[in-house]
Amino acid sequence: PVTGQLLGLDVNDALQVTHSFGYVQRTNLEENQQGYQENGEQYQMETLRRLREVNVDSNTVGWYQTTHLGQFFSSTVIETQYLYQTEIPRSVLVVYDSLQSAIGKPSFKALQLTPSFMQAYAQSSEAGRAAMADFPSGDMFMELPITVSSSAIVEAFLVDWAISDPVSTTSQVGVLDIENQAFLEKNVQLLMNSLHDLAEEQHKMVTFERNAARKGDPVAKGRDRYRNPSQAAPRQLDTMVLSQQIQNYCKAINSFAGDAFGKVYLLSNKPTGHFKEETA
C-alpha cells in the first residue's frame, strides 16, 4: 500500500487537511533497514522545510494509506496510529479505496483509535497484551465524518469539465449493472480467508493454554519437558485485528447486497416499451 503524511490545521471542532505528500516507498532491492529509515526521515524533514518556504500548511495532522477492498487492519496500522495519537491526540488515519468509488461508494474513510483502546493499549505489556484480553474488537476504531470542500477555481474546473463532456459526467446507467459480482465474490473470498486465519489463531491459543495446564501438572511435567518449553503466548492483538477485519468485510457484503436488491427492484419495474392501443 501507498502511505503518506497529512498536513493541515486543527481549527475549533474540525481537523482541516489541506495538503499531503507520500512517504519514500521501500523496494525489494533495499535490504538495509536502517538506511531506509534514515532516507525516509530525511525526505520528510526536507519536504516539510520546502513546504514552509512556499507558505503551505506544514502542520502534521495524521497520515493516509491506500487499500484494496478494505484490507488495511493490521498491527502495524494500529501501532502507527497509536504513535500518532500519542504525539497528536486529534490526528487521523485517512484510508482510500479506489474500488469503492468504482461501485458508487465513498472512497475515503477517516479513522481514529478510541480513547478506551488507547488506554488499554498503553497499559498492556509488550509481551502478551493481557490487558486487552476482554477488550471488544469493535471498539478499536471510530469513524469520523468527512466533508470535502474545494476552492472556487476547482469548482469552476469541474463545472467546465461537466459541460464539455456531458455524456460521461451525467450518465449513471452503469451503476444499475447487476451482473458485476466480482466485488461481492472477492469480499466473500477474503472473508473466508480471514475466518480461516481466525480459526488458526484460536487453535494456537487453545494449544498454548493446554500446554500451560500440563506444565502445571506434576505428572505432565516429565512428558512436556522436551516440548518447546519457551513457547511464546499468542498475541491477543492479532485476534482482535482479524475480528475487526471480518466485521469490515461483513459490512461491505451487507452494503453491496442491499444495493443489489435495490437495483433488481428498479430493473424489474422498468417499462418494457410495448403498449397496446385501445380502440373505442
Protein backbone atom coordinates (compact mmCIF):
# COMPACT_ATOMS: atom_id res chain seq x y z
CA PRO A 1 0.00 0.00 0.00
CA VAL A 2 0.97 3.62 -0.55
CA THR A 3 1.34 5.68 2.62
CA GLY A 4 1.95 9.35 3.25
CA GLN A 5 1.63 12.24 5.65
CA LEU A 6 -1.35 14.56 6.05
CA LEU A 7 -0.82 18.27 6.64
CA GLY A 8 -3.33 20.89 7.70
CA LEU A 9 -4.78 22.79 10.62
CA ASP A 10 -6.78 21.95 13.73
CA VAL A 11 -9.48 24.66 13.83
CA ASN A 12 -12.15 24.50 16.54
CA ASP A 13 -14.01 21.20 16.12
CA ALA A 14 -12.72 20.46 12.60
CA LEU A 15 -9.44 18.94 11.51
CA GLN A 16 -8.68 20.54 8.14
CA VAL A 17 -6.48 18.52 5.78
CA THR A 18 -5.09 20.89 3.16
CA HIS A 19 -2.02 19.11 1.81
CA SER A 20 -0.25 15.75 1.77
CA PHE A 21 2.84 14.03 0.45
CA GLY A 22 3.84 10.41 0.10
CA TYR A 23 6.50 8.59 2.05
CA VAL A 24 9.53 7.01 0.45
CA GLN A 25 8.32 3.62 -0.71
CA ARG A 26 10.60 0.72 0.03
CA THR A 27 11.56 -1.54 -2.88
CA ASN A 28 12.59 -5.19 -2.80
CA LEU A 29 16.19 -4.21 -3.53
CA GLU A 30 16.54 -2.20 -0.33
CA GLU A 31 17.85 -4.59 2.32
CA ASN A 32 19.36 -2.06 4.71
CA GLN A 33 16.51 -1.27 7.10
CA GLN A 34 18.46 1.43 8.94
CA GLY A 35 19.46 3.18 5.72
CA TYR A 36 15.88 3.07 4.50
CA GLN A 37 14.58 4.68 7.71
CA GLU A 38 17.24 7.40 7.57
CA ASN A 39 16.39 8.22 3.96
CA GLY A 40 12.70 8.34 4.79
CA GLU A 41 13.15 10.65 7.77
CA GLN A 42 15.46 12.94 5.81
CA TYR A 43 12.96 13.09 2.95
CA GLN A 44 10.11 14.03 5.31
CA MET A 45 12.11 16.78 7.00
CA GLU A 46 13.26 18.21 3.66
CA THR A 47 9.72 18.15 2.26
CA LEU A 48 8.29 19.94 5.30
CA ARG A 49 11.01 22.56 5.10
CA ARG A 50 10.33 23.23 1.41
CA LEU A 51 6.59 23.49 2.06
CA ARG A 52 7.15 26.06 4.78
CA GLU A 53 9.23 28.11 2.36
CA VAL A 54 6.26 28.43 -0.03
CA ASN A 55 3.73 29.12 2.77
CA VAL A 56 1.97 25.76 2.56
CA ASP A 57 0.47 24.27 5.73
CA SER A 58 3.20 22.10 7.23
CA ASN A 59 1.49 21.00 10.46
CA THR A 60 1.15 17.25 10.69
CA VAL A 61 -2.45 16.14 11.32
CA GLY A 62 -2.19 12.43 10.52
CA TRP A 63 -1.32 10.02 7.75
CA TYR A 64 -3.01 8.20 4.89
CA GLN A 65 -2.90 4.74 3.36
CA THR A 66 -4.34 3.18 0.24
CA THR A 67 -6.15 -0.12 0.48
CA HIS A 68 -7.81 -2.77 -1.66
CA LEU A 69 -11.27 -3.94 -0.64
CA GLY A 70 -10.79 -2.64 2.89
CA GLN A 71 -7.70 -4.72 3.72
CA PHE A 72 -5.99 -2.22 5.97
CA PHE A 73 -6.45 -3.53 9.53
CA SER A 74 -3.12 -4.76 10.86
CA SER A 75 -0.94 -4.50 13.94
CA THR A 76 1.35 -2.10 12.03
CA VAL A 77 -1.54 0.27 11.33
CA ILE A 78 -2.62 0.18 14.97
CA GLU A 79 0.91 0.80 16.22
CA THR A 80 1.44 3.70 13.79
CA GLN A 81 -1.88 5.34 14.63
CA TYR A 82 -1.19 4.87 18.34
CA LEU A 83 2.11 6.70 17.99
CA TYR A 84 0.44 9.50 16.03
CA GLN A 85 -2.34 9.98 18.58
CA THR A 86 0.14 9.85 21.44
CA GLU A 87 2.01 12.82 19.96
CA ILE A 88 -1.01 14.50 18.28
CA PRO A 89 -4.26 13.49 20.05
CA ARG A 90 -6.56 14.54 17.19
CA SER A 91 -4.54 13.03 14.36
CA VAL A 92 -6.42 10.79 11.94
CA LEU A 93 -5.84 7.94 9.54
CA VAL A 94 -7.39 8.52 6.11
CA VAL A 95 -7.94 5.32 4.11
CA TYR A 96 -8.51 5.50 0.36
CA ASP A 97 -10.08 2.57 -1.52
CA SER A 98 -10.33 3.17 -5.27
CA LEU A 99 -12.66 0.20 -5.79
CA GLN A 100 -15.30 1.79 -3.59
CA SER A 101 -15.65 4.75 -5.95
CA ALA A 102 -15.96 2.33 -8.89
CA ILE A 103 -19.19 0.94 -7.41
CA GLY A 104 -20.57 4.31 -6.32
CA LYS A 105 -19.41 4.22 -2.68
CA PRO A 106 -17.39 6.85 -0.79
CA SER A 107 -13.72 6.06 -1.31
CA PHE A 108 -12.38 7.88 1.77
CA LYS A 109 -12.61 6.96 5.45
CA ALA A 110 -11.22 8.90 8.41
CA LEU A 111 -10.44 6.73 11.44
CA GLN A 112 -9.14 7.24 14.96
CA LEU A 113 -8.36 4.86 17.80
CA THR A 114 -10.95 5.12 20.55
CA PRO A 115 -9.86 6.60 23.91
CA SER A 116 -10.67 3.33 25.68
CA PHE A 117 -8.47 1.36 23.30
CA MET A 118 -5.65 3.91 23.64
CA GLN A 119 -5.78 3.46 27.41
CA ALA A 120 -5.86 -0.34 27.22
CA TYR A 121 -3.05 -0.41 24.66
CA ALA A 122 -0.87 1.84 26.81
CA GLN A 123 -1.43 -0.21 29.98
CA SER A 124 -0.82 -3.58 28.38
CA SER A 125 2.61 -5.16 28.38
CA GLU A 126 4.62 -5.65 25.22
CA ALA A 127 4.83 -9.41 25.72
CA GLY A 128 1.27 -10.59 25.90
CA ARG A 129 -1.04 -7.58 25.74
CA ALA A 130 -3.01 -9.25 28.53
CA ALA A 131 -4.89 -6.05 29.37
CA MET A 132 -6.74 -6.32 26.05
CA ALA A 133 -7.91 -9.89 26.55
CA ASP A 134 -11.51 -8.82 27.22
CA PHE A 135 -11.49 -5.70 25.04
CA PRO A 136 -14.16 -5.82 22.28
CA SER A 137 -12.66 -5.63 18.80
CA GLY A 138 -15.48 -3.41 17.56
CA ASP A 139 -14.31 -0.62 19.88
CA MET A 140 -10.82 -0.33 18.43
CA PHE A 141 -11.52 2.32 15.79
CA MET A 142 -14.10 5.04 15.41
CA GLU A 143 -15.00 6.53 12.04
CA LEU A 144 -15.18 10.29 11.69
CA PRO A 145 -17.38 12.17 9.20
CA ILE A 146 -15.62 13.67 6.18
CA THR A 147 -16.61 16.85 4.36
CA VAL A 148 -14.89 17.58 1.04
CA SER A 149 -14.64 21.25 0.11
CA SER A 150 -12.89 22.73 -2.92
CA SER A 151 -11.66 26.16 -3.88
CA ALA A 152 -13.54 28.31 -6.38
CA ILE A 153 -11.10 27.56 -9.19
CA VAL A 154 -11.52 23.80 -8.66
CA GLU A 155 -15.31 24.14 -8.68
CA ALA A 156 -15.09 26.14 -11.92
CA PHE A 157 -12.92 23.44 -13.49
CA LEU A 158 -15.37 20.68 -12.52
CA VAL A 159 -18.31 22.65 -13.95
CA ASP A 160 -16.43 23.31 -17.19
CA TRP A 161 -15.48 19.64 -17.45
CA ALA A 162 -19.09 18.54 -16.91
CA ILE A 163 -20.34 20.94 -19.60
CA SER A 164 -17.69 19.92 -22.14
CA ASP A 165 -18.41 16.18 -21.78
CA PRO A 166 -21.99 15.80 -20.51
CA VAL A 167 -22.34 12.14 -21.50
CA SER A 168 -19.54 10.76 -19.32
CA THR A 169 -20.34 13.03 -16.36
CA THR A 170 -24.12 12.73 -16.22
CA SER A 171 -24.81 9.20 -17.45
CA GLN A 172 -25.46 6.93 -14.46
CA VAL A 173 -26.72 3.85 -16.29
CA GLY A 174 -23.62 1.86 -15.38
CA VAL A 175 -24.44 1.94 -11.67
CA LEU A 176 -27.51 -0.21 -12.33
CA ASP A 177 -25.38 -3.12 -13.52
CA ILE A 178 -26.36 -6.17 -11.50
CA GLU A 179 -24.19 -8.70 -13.36
CA ASN A 180 -20.90 -7.43 -11.96
CA GLN A 181 -20.42 -9.72 -8.97
CA ALA A 182 -16.61 -9.53 -8.84
CA PHE A 183 -16.69 -7.17 -5.86
CA LEU A 184 -19.03 -9.42 -3.87
CA GLU A 185 -17.14 -12.60 -4.76
CA LYS A 186 -13.79 -11.10 -3.77
CA ASN A 187 -15.17 -9.90 -0.43
CA VAL A 188 -16.62 -13.34 0.30
CA GLN A 189 -13.28 -14.93 -0.55
CA LEU A 190 -11.40 -12.51 1.72
CA LEU A 191 -13.96 -13.14 4.47
CA MET A 192 -13.39 -16.89 4.23
CA ASN A 193 -9.61 -16.41 4.39
CA SER A 194 -9.95 -14.19 7.47
CA LEU A 195 -12.21 -16.74 9.17
CA HIS A 196 -9.60 -19.40 8.45
CA ASP A 197 -6.86 -17.23 9.95
CA LEU A 198 -9.04 -16.53 12.99
CA ALA A 199 -9.61 -20.27 13.49
CA GLU A 200 -5.84 -20.81 13.36
CA GLU A 201 -5.25 -18.11 15.97
CA GLN A 202 -7.86 -19.67 18.24
CA HIS A 203 -6.23 -23.08 17.77
CA LYS A 204 -2.86 -21.58 18.78
CA MET A 205 -4.45 -20.13 21.89
CA VAL A 206 -6.09 -23.44 22.85
CA THR A 207 -2.82 -25.29 22.28
CA PHE A 208 -0.89 -22.79 24.39
CA GLU A 209 -3.38 -22.99 27.27
CA ARG A 210 -3.34 -26.80 27.12
CA ASN A 211 0.46 -26.87 27.27
CA ALA A 212 0.45 -24.35 30.11
CA ALA A 213 -2.00 -26.52 32.05
CA ARG A 214 0.16 -29.60 31.51
CA LYS A 215 3.23 -27.79 32.82
CA GLY A 216 1.31 -27.03 35.99
CA ASP A 217 0.57 -30.77 36.45
CA PRO A 218 3.41 -32.66 38.23
CA VAL A 219 2.62 -35.81 36.22
CA ALA A 220 2.70 -33.95 32.90
CA LYS A 221 5.94 -32.10 33.63
CA GLY A 222 8.01 -35.11 32.67
CA ARG A 223 6.18 -35.60 29.38
CA ASP A 224 6.35 -31.93 28.35
CA ARG A 225 9.94 -31.36 29.36
CA TYR A 226 11.06 -31.67 25.74
CA ARG A 227 8.08 -29.88 24.16
CA ASN A 228 9.37 -26.39 23.42
CA PRO A 229 9.33 -25.02 26.98
CA SER A 230 9.94 -21.45 25.77
CA GLN A 231 6.80 -21.23 23.61
CA ALA A 232 5.53 -17.66 23.49
CA ALA A 233 1.90 -16.82 24.16
CA PRO A 234 -0.17 -15.85 21.11
CA ARG A 235 -0.81 -12.14 20.84
CA GLN A 236 -4.35 -11.08 21.65
CA LEU A 237 -3.95 -8.11 19.30
CA ASP A 238 -3.71 -10.39 16.27
CA THR A 239 -7.08 -11.95 17.08
CA MET A 240 -8.62 -8.51 17.59
CA VAL A 241 -7.29 -7.31 14.22
CA LEU A 242 -8.74 -10.35 12.46
CA SER A 243 -12.10 -9.83 14.18
CA GLN A 244 -12.17 -6.19 13.13
CA GLN A 245 -11.27 -7.13 9.55
CA ILE A 246 -14.05 -9.74 9.48
CA GLN A 247 -16.56 -7.12 10.65
CA ASN A 248 -15.37 -4.81 7.88
CA TYR A 249 -15.89 -7.49 5.22
CA CYS A 250 -19.36 -8.30 6.57
CA LYS A 251 -20.35 -4.63 6.40
CA ALA A 252 -19.11 -4.38 2.81
CA ILE A 253 -21.00 -7.52 1.77
CA ASN A 254 -24.18 -6.33 3.52
CA SER A 255 -23.97 -2.93 1.82
CA PHE A 256 -23.32 -4.39 -1.61
CA ALA A 257 -26.12 -6.96 -1.26
CA GLY A 258 -28.59 -4.27 -0.18
CA ASP A 259 -27.74 -2.14 -3.20
CA ALA A 260 -28.05 -5.16 -5.49
CA PHE A 261 -31.59 -5.88 -4.25
CA GLY A 262 -32.49 -2.25 -4.91
CA LYS A 263 -31.16 -2.47 -8.46
CA VAL A 264 -33.09 -5.68 -9.10
CA TYR A 265 -36.28 -4.00 -7.88
CA LEU A 266 -35.73 -0.98 -10.11
CA LEU A 267 -34.99 -3.06 -13.21
CA SER A 268 -37.91 -5.42 -12.59
CA ASN A 269 -40.31 -2.46 -12.67
CA LYS A 270 -38.86 -0.69 -15.70
CA PRO A 271 -41.24 -0.03 -18.65
CA THR A 272 -40.98 -2.57 -21.48
CA GLY A 273 -41.82 -0.13 -24.26
CA HIS A 274 -44.69 -2.24 -25.62
CA PHE A 275 -48.11 -0.58 -25.32
CA LYS A 276 -51.44 -1.77 -26.67
CA GLU A 277 -53.60 0.82 -28.33
CA GLU A 278 -57.12 0.76 -27.09
CA THR A 279 -59.85 1.31 -29.68
CA ALA A 280 -63.05 2.98 -28.82
